Amino acid sequence: MLWTIAVVLVILWLLGLVTGYTMGYFIHILLVVAIIVVLVRVIQGRRPV
């Protein structure tokens, strides 16, 4: 599941670079997803990265 999220984030990041003017929007999504992943890892009892 973590690999799937990573692939989706890379695709969104590349789309943000291509479109240019929406890059801030994609960076916001990346930050939100990163926080969610860390919270899920903490809830599962694993050490956050």
N, C-alpha and C. Protein backbone atom coordinates (compact mmCIF):
# COMPACT_ATOMS: atom_id res chain seq x y z
N MET A 1 0.82 -1.19 0.00
CA MET A 1 0.00 0.00 0.00
C MET A 1 0.87 1.26 0.00
N LEU A 2 1.97 1.21 0.75
CA LEU A 2 2.85 2.37 0.81
C LEU A 2 3.48 2.65 -0.55
N TRP A 3 3.81 1.57 -1.29
CA TRP A 3 4.38 1.74 -2.63
C TRP A 3 3.37 2.37 -3.57
N THR A 4 2.11 1.98 -3.45
CA THR A 4 1.06 2.56 -4.29
C THR A 4 0.92 4.05 -4.04
N ILE A 5 0.94 4.43 -2.78
CA ILE A 5 0.85 5.84 -2.43
C ILE A 5 2.05 6.60 -2.99
N ALA A 6 3.23 6.01 -2.89
CA ALA A 6 4.44 6.66 -3.39
C ALA A 6 4.35 6.87 -4.90
N VAL A 7 3.86 5.88 -5.63
CA VAL A 7 3.74 6.00 -7.08
C VAL A 7 2.73 7.09 -7.44
N VAL A 8 1.60 7.11 -6.74
CA VAL A 8 0.59 8.14 -7.00
C VAL A 8 1.16 9.53 -6.72
N LEU A 9 1.91 9.67 -5.64
CA LEU A 9 2.50 10.97 -5.31
C LEU A 9 3.50 11.42 -6.37
N VAL A 10 4.30 10.50 -6.87
CA VAL A 10 5.27 10.86 -7.91
C VAL A 10 4.55 11.30 -9.18
N ILE A 11 3.48 10.59 -9.54
CA ILE A 11 2.71 10.97 -10.72
C ILE A 11 2.10 12.36 -10.54
N LEU A 12 1.52 12.62 -9.36
CA LEU A 12 0.95 13.93 -9.10
C LEU A 12 2.02 15.02 -9.11
N TRP A 13 3.19 14.70 -8.58
CA TRP A 13 4.29 15.66 -8.57
C TRP A 13 4.72 16.00 -9.99
N LEU A 14 4.83 14.97 -10.83
CA LEU A 14 5.21 15.21 -12.23
C LEU A 14 4.13 16.02 -12.96
N LEU A 15 2.87 15.73 -12.69
CA LEU A 15 1.80 16.52 -13.30
C LEU A 15 1.88 17.97 -12.85
N GLY A 16 2.22 18.17 -11.59
CA GLY A 16 2.37 19.53 -11.08
C GLY A 16 3.50 20.27 -11.77
N LEU A 17 4.59 19.56 -12.06
CA LEU A 17 5.70 20.20 -12.76
C LEU A 17 5.32 20.53 -14.20
N VAL A 18 4.54 19.67 -14.82
CA VAL A 18 4.15 19.89 -16.21
C VAL A 18 3.18 21.06 -16.32
N THR A 19 2.19 21.11 -15.44
CA THR A 19 1.19 22.16 -15.55
C THR A 19 1.68 23.50 -15.03
N GLY A 20 2.61 23.51 -14.11
CA GLY A 20 3.22 24.76 -13.67
C GLY A 20 2.36 25.58 -12.73
N TYR A 21 1.28 26.16 -13.23
CA TYR A 21 0.50 27.09 -12.41
C TYR A 21 -0.26 26.39 -11.29
N THR A 22 -0.48 25.07 -11.39
CA THR A 22 -1.18 24.35 -10.32
C THR A 22 -0.21 23.64 -9.39
N MET A 23 1.07 23.96 -9.50
CA MET A 23 2.08 23.25 -8.70
C MET A 23 1.84 23.43 -7.21
N GLY A 24 1.41 24.59 -6.78
CA GLY A 24 1.14 24.82 -5.37
C GLY A 24 0.06 23.89 -4.85
N TYR A 25 -0.94 23.62 -5.68
CA TYR A 25 -2.02 22.72 -5.31
C TYR A 25 -1.50 21.30 -5.09
N PHE A 26 -0.65 20.83 -6.00
CA PHE A 26 -0.12 19.47 -5.88
C PHE A 26 0.85 19.34 -4.70
N ILE A 27 1.61 20.37 -4.42
CA ILE A 27 2.50 20.34 -3.26
C ILE A 27 1.66 20.25 -1.98
N HIS A 28 0.54 20.95 -1.95
CA HIS A 28 -0.35 20.88 -0.80
C HIS A 28 -0.87 19.45 -0.62
N ILE A 29 -1.26 18.82 -1.72
CA ILE A 29 -1.73 17.43 -1.65
C ILE A 29 -0.62 16.51 -1.14
N LEU A 30 0.60 16.71 -1.63
CA LEU A 30 1.73 15.88 -1.20
C LEU A 30 1.96 16.02 0.30
N LEU A 31 1.89 17.23 0.81
CA LEU A 31 2.10 17.44 2.24
C LEU A 31 1.00 16.79 3.07
N VAL A 32 -0.24 16.92 2.64
CA VAL A 32 -1.36 16.31 3.37
C VAL A 32 -1.23 14.80 3.39
N VAL A 33 -0.90 14.20 2.24
CA VAL A 33 -0.76 12.74 2.17
C VAL A 33 0.42 12.27 3.03
N ALA A 34 1.51 13.02 3.03
CA ALA A 34 2.66 12.65 3.85
C ALA A 34 2.29 12.65 5.34
N ILE A 35 1.53 13.64 5.78
CA ILE A 35 1.10 13.69 7.18
C ILE A 35 0.19 12.52 7.50
N ILE A 36 -0.72 12.19 6.58
CA ILE A 36 -1.62 11.05 6.79
C ILE A 36 -0.83 9.75 6.90
N VAL A 37 0.17 9.56 6.05
CA VAL A 37 0.97 8.33 6.09
C VAL A 37 1.70 8.22 7.42
N VAL A 38 2.27 9.31 7.89
CA VAL A 38 2.98 9.28 9.18
C VAL A 38 2.00 8.97 10.31
N LEU A 39 0.82 9.56 10.29
CA LEU A 39 -0.17 9.28 11.33
C LEU A 39 -0.61 7.82 11.31
N VAL A 40 -0.80 7.26 10.12
CA VAL A 40 -1.19 5.85 10.03
C VAL A 40 -0.10 4.96 10.59
N ARG A 41 1.15 5.28 10.28
CA ARG A 41 2.26 4.48 10.80
C ARG A 41 2.34 4.57 12.32
N VAL A 42 2.08 5.74 12.89
CA VAL A 42 2.12 5.91 14.34
C VAL A 42 0.97 5.12 14.97
N ILE A 43 -0.21 5.20 14.37
CA ILE A 43 -1.36 4.47 14.90
C ILE A 43 -1.13 2.98 14.85
N GLN A 44 -0.46 2.48 13.81
CA GLN A 44 -0.18 1.05 13.69
C GLN A 44 0.94 0.60 14.63
N GLY A 45 1.60 1.54 15.27
CA GLY A 45 2.63 1.20 16.23
C GLY A 45 4.03 1.17 15.65
N ARG A 46 4.19 1.60 14.41
CA ARG A 46 5.53 1.64 13.80
C ARG A 46 6.14 3.00 14.05
N ARG A 47 7.46 3.04 13.98
CA ARG A 47 8.15 4.33 14.12
C ARG A 47 7.96 5.15 12.86
N PRO A 48 7.62 6.42 12.99
CA PRO A 48 7.57 7.25 11.79
C PRO A 48 8.97 7.44 11.24
N VAL A 49 9.06 7.66 9.96
CA VAL A 49 10.36 7.78 9.28
C VAL A 49 11.12 8.91 9.81
